[in-house]
Protein backbone atom coordinates (compact mmCIF):
# COMPACT_ATOMS: atom_id res chain seq x y z
CA UNK A 1 5.14 41.12 -48.44
CA UNK A 2 7.89 38.27 -48.14
CA UNK A 3 10.41 40.59 -47.42
CA UNK A 4 8.70 42.37 -44.64
CA UNK A 5 7.92 39.07 -42.94
CA UNK A 6 11.92 38.57 -43.28
CA UNK A 7 12.47 41.74 -41.55
CA UNK A 8 9.94 41.27 -38.96
CA UNK A 9 11.51 38.29 -37.92
CA UNK A 10 14.95 39.73 -38.15
CA UNK A 11 14.19 42.61 -36.06
CA UNK A 12 12.67 40.40 -33.23
CA UNK A 13 15.90 37.93 -33.59
CA UNK A 14 18.45 40.71 -33.29
CA UNK A 15 16.65 41.98 -30.07
CA UNK A 16 16.74 38.62 -28.39
CA UNK A 17 20.25 38.13 -29.65
CA UNK A 18 21.62 41.28 -27.91
CA UNK A 19 19.96 39.63 -24.63
CA UNK A 20 20.70 36.42 -25.54
CA UNK A 21 23.55 35.20 -23.01
CA UNK A 22 21.59 36.52 -20.02
CA UNK A 23 18.39 35.10 -21.30
CA UNK A 24 19.55 31.87 -21.89
CA UNK A 25 21.33 31.55 -18.74
CA UNK A 26 17.87 32.59 -16.87
CA UNK A 27 15.92 30.16 -19.00
CA UNK A 28 18.30 27.07 -18.24
CA UNK A 29 17.61 27.52 -14.54
CA UNK A 30 13.75 26.80 -15.10
CA UNK A 31 12.52 23.33 -14.71
CA UNK A 32 9.44 24.09 -17.07
CA UNK A 33 9.91 24.17 -20.64
CA UNK A 34 9.72 27.98 -21.89
CA UNK A 35 9.24 28.97 -25.58
CA UNK A 36 9.02 32.41 -27.18
CA UNK A 37 7.42 32.14 -30.71
CA UNK A 38 5.64 34.14 -33.21
CA UNK A 39 2.18 33.68 -34.47
CA UNK A 40 3.55 31.41 -37.29
CA UNK A 41 5.01 29.06 -34.82
CA UNK A 42 8.53 30.14 -35.13
CA UNK A 43 10.67 29.36 -32.17
CA UNK A 44 13.07 32.36 -30.77
CA UNK A 45 13.49 30.84 -27.40
CA UNK A 46 13.31 27.10 -26.76
CA UNK A 47 15.05 26.16 -23.53
CA UNK A 48 16.68 22.69 -22.67
CA UNK A 49 13.51 21.57 -20.36
CA UNK A 50 11.35 21.94 -23.35
CA UNK A 51 13.77 19.68 -25.27
CA UNK A 52 13.58 17.14 -22.38
CA UNK A 53 9.70 17.39 -22.28
CA UNK A 54 9.33 16.93 -26.07
CA UNK A 55 12.62 15.02 -27.20
CA UNK A 56 13.03 17.58 -30.01
CA UNK A 57 15.57 20.08 -30.20
CA UNK A 58 14.95 23.82 -31.14
CA UNK A 59 16.37 23.19 -34.57
CA UNK A 60 14.05 20.04 -35.16
CA UNK A 61 10.87 22.35 -33.99
CA UNK A 62 11.86 25.29 -36.19
CA UNK A 63 12.63 22.87 -39.27
CA UNK A 64 9.22 21.16 -39.03
CA UNK A 65 6.40 22.51 -41.09
CA UNK A 66 3.95 22.21 -38.43
CA UNK A 67 5.50 21.33 -34.94
CA UNK A 68 2.13 21.40 -33.36
CA UNK A 69 1.16 18.32 -35.52
CA UNK A 70 4.40 16.59 -34.36
CA UNK A 71 3.63 17.01 -30.78
CA UNK A 72 -0.31 16.91 -31.07
CA UNK A 73 -1.08 13.95 -33.64
CA UNK A 74 -4.39 13.60 -32.18
CA UNK A 75 -6.52 16.48 -33.67
CA UNK A 76 -8.59 16.96 -30.75
CA UNK A 77 -5.82 17.47 -28.22
CA UNK A 78 -4.31 19.93 -30.90
CA UNK A 79 -7.71 22.17 -30.97
CA UNK A 80 -7.62 21.80 -27.09
CA UNK A 81 -4.22 23.26 -26.95
CA UNK A 82 -4.82 26.07 -29.29
CA UNK A 83 -8.30 26.87 -27.81
CA UNK A 84 -8.56 30.55 -27.29
CA UNK A 85 -4.80 31.19 -27.81
CA UNK A 86 -5.36 32.95 -31.00
CA UNK A 87 -7.88 35.07 -29.51
CA UNK A 88 -5.54 36.46 -26.85
CA UNK A 89 -5.15 40.03 -26.40
CA UNK A 90 -1.85 41.71 -25.26
CA UNK A 91 -1.39 40.99 -21.31
CA UNK A 92 -3.73 38.09 -21.15
CA UNK A 93 -2.69 34.64 -20.38
CA UNK A 94 -4.56 31.23 -21.01
CA UNK A 95 -3.76 27.99 -19.05
CA UNK A 96 -4.73 24.42 -20.09
CA UNK A 97 -3.93 20.94 -19.82
CA UNK A 98 -3.20 18.51 -22.69
CA UNK A 99 -1.47 15.38 -23.68
CA UNK A 100 1.24 15.62 -25.98
CA UNK A 101 3.21 12.79 -27.82
CA UNK A 102 7.11 12.78 -27.31
CA UNK A 103 9.65 12.16 -30.14
CA UNK A 104 10.04 8.63 -28.70
CA UNK A 105 6.33 8.21 -28.92
CA UNK A 106 5.58 8.22 -25.21
CA UNK A 107 2.48 10.32 -24.00
CA UNK A 108 3.27 13.12 -21.56
CA UNK A 109 0.34 15.20 -19.66
CA UNK A 110 1.17 18.69 -19.69
CA UNK A 111 -0.01 21.97 -17.95
CA UNK A 112 0.32 25.05 -20.55
CA UNK A 113 0.27 28.56 -19.56
CA UNK A 114 0.34 30.98 -22.60
CA UNK A 115 0.90 34.83 -22.68
CA UNK A 116 0.72 37.03 -25.40
CA UNK A 117 3.02 40.14 -25.24
CA UNK A 118 4.42 42.84 -27.74
CA UNK A 119 7.97 43.16 -28.79
CA UNK A 120 9.07 45.90 -31.22
CA UNK A 121 5.36 46.21 -32.49
CA UNK A 122 4.83 42.23 -33.06
CA UNK A 123 2.91 39.70 -31.13
CA UNK A 124 5.02 37.21 -29.38
CA UNK A 125 3.71 34.33 -27.45
CA UNK A 126 5.12 33.20 -24.35
CA UNK A 127 4.51 29.51 -23.32
CA UNK A 128 5.36 27.43 -20.13
CA UNK A 129 5.21 23.95 -20.34
CA UNK A 130 4.92 22.07 -16.99
CA UNK A 131 5.33 18.18 -17.02
CA UNK A 132 2.73 16.61 -14.55
CA UNK A 133 2.68 13.18 -16.02
CA UNK A 134 4.18 11.36 -12.97
CA UNK A 135 2.06 13.34 -10.81
CA UNK A 136 -1.18 12.44 -12.72
CA UNK A 137 0.02 8.63 -12.99
CA UNK A 138 0.71 8.98 -8.99
CA UNK A 139 -3.00 10.40 -8.55
CA UNK A 140 -4.69 7.91 -10.77
CA UNK A 141 -2.64 5.06 -8.97
CA UNK A 142 -3.91 6.21 -5.66
CA UNK A 143 -7.22 6.79 -6.89
CA UNK A 144 -7.39 3.30 -8.39
CA UNK A 145 -5.78 1.99 -4.95
CA UNK A 146 -8.41 3.54 -2.78
CA UNK A 147 -11.24 2.13 -5.06
CA UNK A 148 -9.96 -1.17 -5.03
CA UNK A 149 -9.64 -1.13 -1.13
CA UNK A 150 -13.40 0.01 -0.66
CA UNK A 151 -14.30 -2.57 -3.19
CA UNK A 152 -12.46 -5.17 -1.56
CA UNK A 153 -13.71 -4.24 1.78
CA UNK A 154 -17.22 -3.96 0.72
CA UNK A 155 -17.03 -7.60 -0.81
CA UNK A 156 -15.43 -9.06 2.26
CA UNK A 157 -18.36 -7.63 4.39
CA UNK A 158 -20.73 -9.05 2.05
CA UNK A 159 -19.00 -12.36 1.90
CA UNK A 160 -18.86 -12.28 5.75
CA UNK A 161 -22.60 -11.14 6.29
CA UNK A 162 -23.78 -13.68 3.72
CA UNK A 163 -21.97 -16.70 5.09
CA UNK A 164 -23.08 -16.21 8.73
CA UNK A 165 -26.56 -15.74 7.42
CA UNK A 166 -26.25 -19.11 5.43
CA UNK A 167 -24.15 -21.07 8.24
CA UNK A 168 -26.85 -20.70 10.76
CA UNK A 169 -29.75 -22.46 8.97
CA UNK A 170 -27.21 -24.92 7.44
CA UNK A 171 -25.92 -25.92 10.71
CA UNK A 172 -29.49 -26.58 11.87
CA UNK A 173 -30.18 -28.74 8.64
CA UNK A 174 -26.85 -30.95 9.52
CA UNK A 175 -28.10 -31.32 13.18
CA UNK A 176 -31.17 -32.66 12.17
CA UNK A 177 -30.03 -34.68 9.32
CA UNK A 178 -27.26 -36.31 12.07
CA UNK A 179 -30.56 -37.06 14.27
CA UNK A 180 -32.25 -38.80 11.43
CA UNK A 181 -28.76 -40.83 10.41
CA UNK A 182 -28.47 -42.07 14.12
CA UNK A 183 -32.11 -43.23 13.72
CA UNK A 184 -32.59 -41.61 17.41
CA UNK A 185 -36.58 -41.60 16.67
CA UNK A 186 -36.71 -44.69 14.91
CA UNK A 187 -35.19 -47.10 12.02
CA UNK A 188 -34.73 -46.05 8.55
CA UNK A 189 -35.11 -48.14 5.15
CA UNK A 190 -32.27 -48.30 3.00
CA UNK A 191 -33.44 -45.58 0.77
CA UNK A 192 -34.07 -43.39 3.49
CA UNK A 193 -30.47 -44.07 4.79
CA UNK A 194 -29.28 -43.38 1.19
CA UNK A 195 -31.12 -39.90 1.08
CA UNK A 196 -30.00 -38.82 4.46
CA UNK A 197 -26.18 -39.54 3.64
CA UNK A 198 -26.63 -37.40 0.72
CA UNK A 199 -28.03 -34.67 2.72
CA UNK A 200 -25.26 -34.88 5.34
CA UNK A 201 -22.27 -34.93 2.97
CA UNK A 202 -23.79 -32.08 0.89
CA UNK A 203 -24.38 -30.14 3.88
CA UNK A 204 -21.13 -30.52 5.23
CA UNK A 205 -19.53 -29.82 1.96
CA UNK A 206 -21.32 -26.68 1.63
CA UNK A 207 -20.68 -25.77 5.26
CA UNK A 208 -16.84 -26.12 4.47
CA UNK A 209 -17.06 -24.02 1.40
CA UNK A 210 -19.02 -21.01 3.61
CA UNK A 211 -15.99 -21.53 6.38
CA UNK A 212 -13.64 -21.06 3.65
CA UNK A 213 -15.22 -17.80 2.39
CA UNK A 214 -15.39 -16.66 5.95
CA UNK A 215 -11.57 -17.26 6.31
CA UNK A 216 -11.29 -15.50 3.07
CA UNK A 217 -13.24 -12.35 4.22
CA UNK A 218 -11.27 -12.29 7.63
CA UNK A 219 -7.81 -12.18 6.06
CA UNK A 220 -8.81 -9.64 2.99
CA UNK A 221 -10.29 -7.37 5.54
CA UNK A 222 -7.64 -7.40 7.88
CA UNK A 223 -9.50 -9.19 10.78
CA UNK A 224 -7.64 -12.57 10.76
CA UNK A 225 -5.77 -12.91 14.30
CA UNK A 226 -2.56 -15.02 14.53
CA UNK A 227 -2.52 -16.89 17.69
CA UNK A 228 1.22 -18.01 17.98
CA UNK A 229 2.44 -21.03 20.14
CA UNK A 230 5.34 -23.73 20.19
CA UNK A 231 3.90 -26.91 18.91
CA UNK A 232 5.10 -30.07 17.66
CA UNK A 233 5.27 -30.06 13.77
CA UNK A 234 5.68 -33.90 13.63
CA UNK A 235 2.30 -34.38 15.54
CA UNK A 236 0.62 -31.57 13.28
CA UNK A 237 1.68 -33.40 10.12
CA UNK A 238 0.79 -36.86 11.19
CA UNK A 239 -2.69 -35.39 12.68
CA UNK A 240 -3.23 -33.80 8.84
CA UNK A 241 -2.58 -37.25 7.31
CA UNK A 242 -5.09 -39.06 9.54
CA UNK A 243 -7.89 -36.36 8.48
CA UNK A 244 -7.42 -37.60 4.94
CA UNK A 245 -6.45 -41.08 5.44
CA UNK A 246 -10.22 -42.52 4.84
CA UNK A 247 -10.59 -40.59 1.56
CA UNK A 248 -7.02 -41.73 0.21
CA UNK A 249 -8.10 -45.34 1.64
CA UNK A 250 -11.06 -45.42 -0.58
CA UNK A 251 -9.28 -44.11 -3.54
CA UNK A 252 -6.47 -46.52 -3.30
CA UNK A 253 -4.03 -43.77 -2.60
CA UNK A 254 -0.70 -44.43 -0.54
CA UNK A 255 0.23 -41.80 1.76
CA UNK A 256 3.66 -41.07 3.39
CA UNK A 257 5.40 -38.63 5.66
CA UNK A 258 9.31 -37.69 5.73
CA UNK A 259 10.36 -35.17 8.42
CA UNK A 260 14.23 -34.60 8.20
CA UNK A 261 16.18 -34.62 11.57
CA UNK A 262 16.14 -31.67 13.66
CA UNK A 263 12.68 -30.59 13.17
CA UNK A 264 10.38 -30.88 15.91
CA UNK A 265 9.05 -27.77 17.61
CA UNK A 266 8.09 -24.70 15.88
CA UNK A 267 6.68 -21.14 16.61
CA UNK A 268 3.42 -20.45 14.78
CA UNK A 269 -0.52 -20.60 14.67
CA UNK A 270 -0.87 -24.13 15.13
CA UNK A 271 -4.38 -24.18 13.62
CA UNK A 272 -3.79 -21.87 10.84
CA UNK A 273 -0.50 -24.16 9.96
CA UNK A 274 -2.84 -27.28 9.95
CA UNK A 275 -5.43 -25.52 7.80
CA UNK A 276 -2.63 -24.95 5.47
CA UNK A 277 -1.59 -28.40 5.38
CA UNK A 278 -4.82 -29.90 5.20
CA UNK A 279 -5.94 -27.67 2.09
CA UNK A 280 -2.74 -28.81 0.10
CA UNK A 281 -2.99 -32.34 1.35
CA UNK A 282 -6.85 -32.93 0.60
CA UNK A 283 -5.96 -31.14 -2.81
CA UNK A 284 -3.38 -33.84 -3.29
CA UNK A 285 -5.68 -36.54 -2.57
CA UNK A 286 -8.33 -35.31 -4.55
CA UNK A 287 -6.42 -34.90 -7.79
CA UNK A 288 -4.60 -38.03 -7.59
CA UNK A 289 -6.07 -40.92 -9.62
CA UNK A 290 -6.77 -44.36 -7.92
CA UNK A 291 -3.47 -46.17 -7.09
CA UNK A 292 -1.40 -43.04 -6.87
CA UNK A 293 0.79 -41.62 -4.06
CA UNK A 294 0.90 -38.50 -2.20
CA UNK A 295 2.77 -37.38 1.11
CA UNK A 296 4.40 -34.64 3.01
CA UNK A 297 8.24 -33.76 3.52
CA UNK A 298 9.48 -31.27 5.91
CA UNK A 299 13.00 -29.90 6.30
CA UNK A 300 14.82 -26.96 8.11
CA UNK A 301 16.91 -24.68 5.72
CA UNK A 302 18.66 -22.19 8.04
CA UNK A 303 16.08 -19.70 9.78
CA UNK A 304 13.05 -21.23 7.68
CA UNK A 305 11.12 -24.50 7.77
CA UNK A 306 10.13 -25.74 4.44
CA UNK A 307 7.08 -28.18 4.13
CA UNK A 308 6.09 -29.86 0.96
CA UNK A 309 3.14 -31.62 -0.19
CA UNK A 310 3.49 -33.84 -3.26
CA UNK A 311 1.45 -36.26 -5.38
CA UNK A 312 1.43 -38.34 -8.47
CA UNK A 313 -1.62 -36.87 -9.64
CA UNK A 314 -3.15 -34.91 -12.49
CA UNK A 315 -0.09 -32.18 -12.62
CA UNK A 316 -0.53 -28.44 -13.38
CA UNK A 317 0.61 -26.82 -16.74
CA UNK A 318 3.09 -23.90 -16.65
CA UNK A 319 0.09 -21.51 -17.98
CA UNK A 320 -1.84 -22.33 -14.73
CA UNK A 321 0.72 -22.43 -12.07
CA UNK A 322 0.12 -18.59 -11.19
CA UNK A 323 -3.55 -18.80 -11.77
CA UNK A 324 -4.33 -21.49 -9.24
CA UNK A 325 -3.53 -19.16 -6.31
CA UNK A 326 -6.24 -16.55 -7.51
CA UNK A 327 -9.22 -18.05 -6.10
CA UNK A 328 -12.28 -19.54 -8.09
CA UNK A 329 -10.15 -21.27 -10.31
CA UNK A 330 -10.38 -25.06 -10.96
CA UNK A 331 -8.06 -26.99 -12.99
CA UNK A 332 -10.81 -29.26 -13.92
CA UNK A 333 -14.87 -28.77 -13.92
CA UNK A 334 -15.09 -32.40 -12.84
CA UNK A 335 -13.66 -31.79 -9.42
CA UNK A 336 -15.88 -30.13 -6.60
CA UNK A 337 -14.96 -27.16 -5.00
CA UNK A 338 -14.90 -23.36 -5.51
CA UNK A 339 -11.07 -23.26 -5.74
CA UNK A 340 -10.47 -21.23 -2.48
CA UNK A 341 -8.41 -23.56 -0.55
CA UNK A 342 -5.26 -22.62 -2.14
CA UNK A 343 -5.96 -18.97 -2.31
CA UNK A 344 -6.58 -19.03 1.47
CA UNK A 345 -3.51 -21.03 2.15
CA UNK A 346 -1.42 -18.64 0.44
CA UNK A 347 -2.70 -15.68 2.30
CA UNK A 348 -2.15 -17.61 5.55
CA UNK A 349 1.19 -18.56 4.39
CA UNK A 350 2.20 -14.57 3.78
CA UNK A 351 0.40 -13.62 7.11
CA UNK A 352 2.98 -15.76 8.92
CA UNK A 353 5.75 -13.98 6.64
CA UNK A 354 6.40 -17.11 4.51
CA UNK A 355 5.83 -17.83 0.68
CA UNK A 356 4.20 -20.68 -1.15
CA UNK A 357 4.65 -22.01 -4.68
CA UNK A 358 4.13 -24.98 -6.92
CA UNK A 359 6.31 -27.28 -8.92
CA UNK A 360 4.86 -29.56 -11.65
CA UNK A 361 6.45 -31.51 -14.54
CA UNK A 362 3.23 -30.82 -16.44
CA UNK A 363 -0.20 -32.62 -17.09
CA UNK A 364 -0.53 -35.80 -15.82
CA UNK A 365 3.15 -36.04 -14.00
CA UNK A 366 2.04 -34.58 -10.37
CA UNK A 367 2.75 -31.57 -8.24
CA UNK A 368 4.61 -30.39 -5.28
CA UNK A 369 3.41 -27.64 -3.32
CA UNK A 370 6.02 -26.13 -1.25
CA UNK A 371 5.68 -23.44 1.44
CA UNK A 372 8.11 -21.80 4.03
CA UNK A 373 7.45 -20.39 7.40
CA UNK A 374 10.05 -18.60 9.87
CA UNK A 375 11.42 -21.06 12.25
CA UNK A 376 11.19 -18.60 15.05
CA UNK A 377 8.96 -15.54 13.75
CA UNK A 378 8.00 -12.29 15.58
CA UNK A 379 4.21 -13.12 14.62
CA UNK A 380 1.63 -10.29 14.83
CA UNK A 381 -1.93 -10.10 14.46
CA UNK A 382 -3.53 -8.04 11.45
CA UNK A 383 -4.14 -4.48 12.67
């Protein structure tokens, strides 16, 4: 019985050997992996494309006691690859999609077409292996991107609708609270004044959060419009310091402004640049303990303007420097806010064609937020 098997294989190999040169020439021109094997898994033909797909040479494949176990370590994938093949009749074919494991351990997604033919009275399996790994990865990436975009649009629309619904009654609450605070309809006692101040401060704080969410929704949905104009950067930075001056005074924080020579006029969306600076500056004051310092520096570097907002506050550890721009992240729970300011600032800077980053010596050593804007950009609104 053993000698008959040898004879069978020898007959087949002799037949292939006679046409080997022509066969090899043709097979090497094909980009798909091609194998011809018997029912026992011995390969008579195993082209270079197959070596590239699996990482195994023909000699290594034939030397293995069970080559299928090498490329299909997962028994489920192995069963999927063999499903129906052993039942093939002559002239029949079967197609399947499986995952193999290459010699270097990397997975590959393969479409296999198997055919059964007869050669000199013996069953021979022709298998064509097409590597679709990159195609599948591209499809999955595209599918994930479309899903993320749809989810992002839905989130932005929800935030915008929710914010509008909240802002209308909140403005009424603030308006009536201001009327009471001004004692338009009669005097208030000290306790009533205290409560009205609580209502006003809480309402204005909540309104600022809602406005942040609205801005965030506009940027993410692509509806944020840039309205460029030429303005005085010096006036903008001075005005930003005025906005936080009272809060800094109450916290015993010294403010400063340092503008390098040759900087004054710039072309950008003035209101949004002011929002970026204010977000950074208000954070600097908020996270700086009593008696500390904070300020702004501005300088021109070739075709860009760099603005720095620095402080001697609580500092930022290296592990948190990338996370602080992600939104809804707070360095310390004892400070108020949703952590949206930096996220919005980053998006507004990038919308202008600039970039933003933070430098810090670590916990307790202060921080410097830096952002750049083109000195003379060609600004476009989001489409």
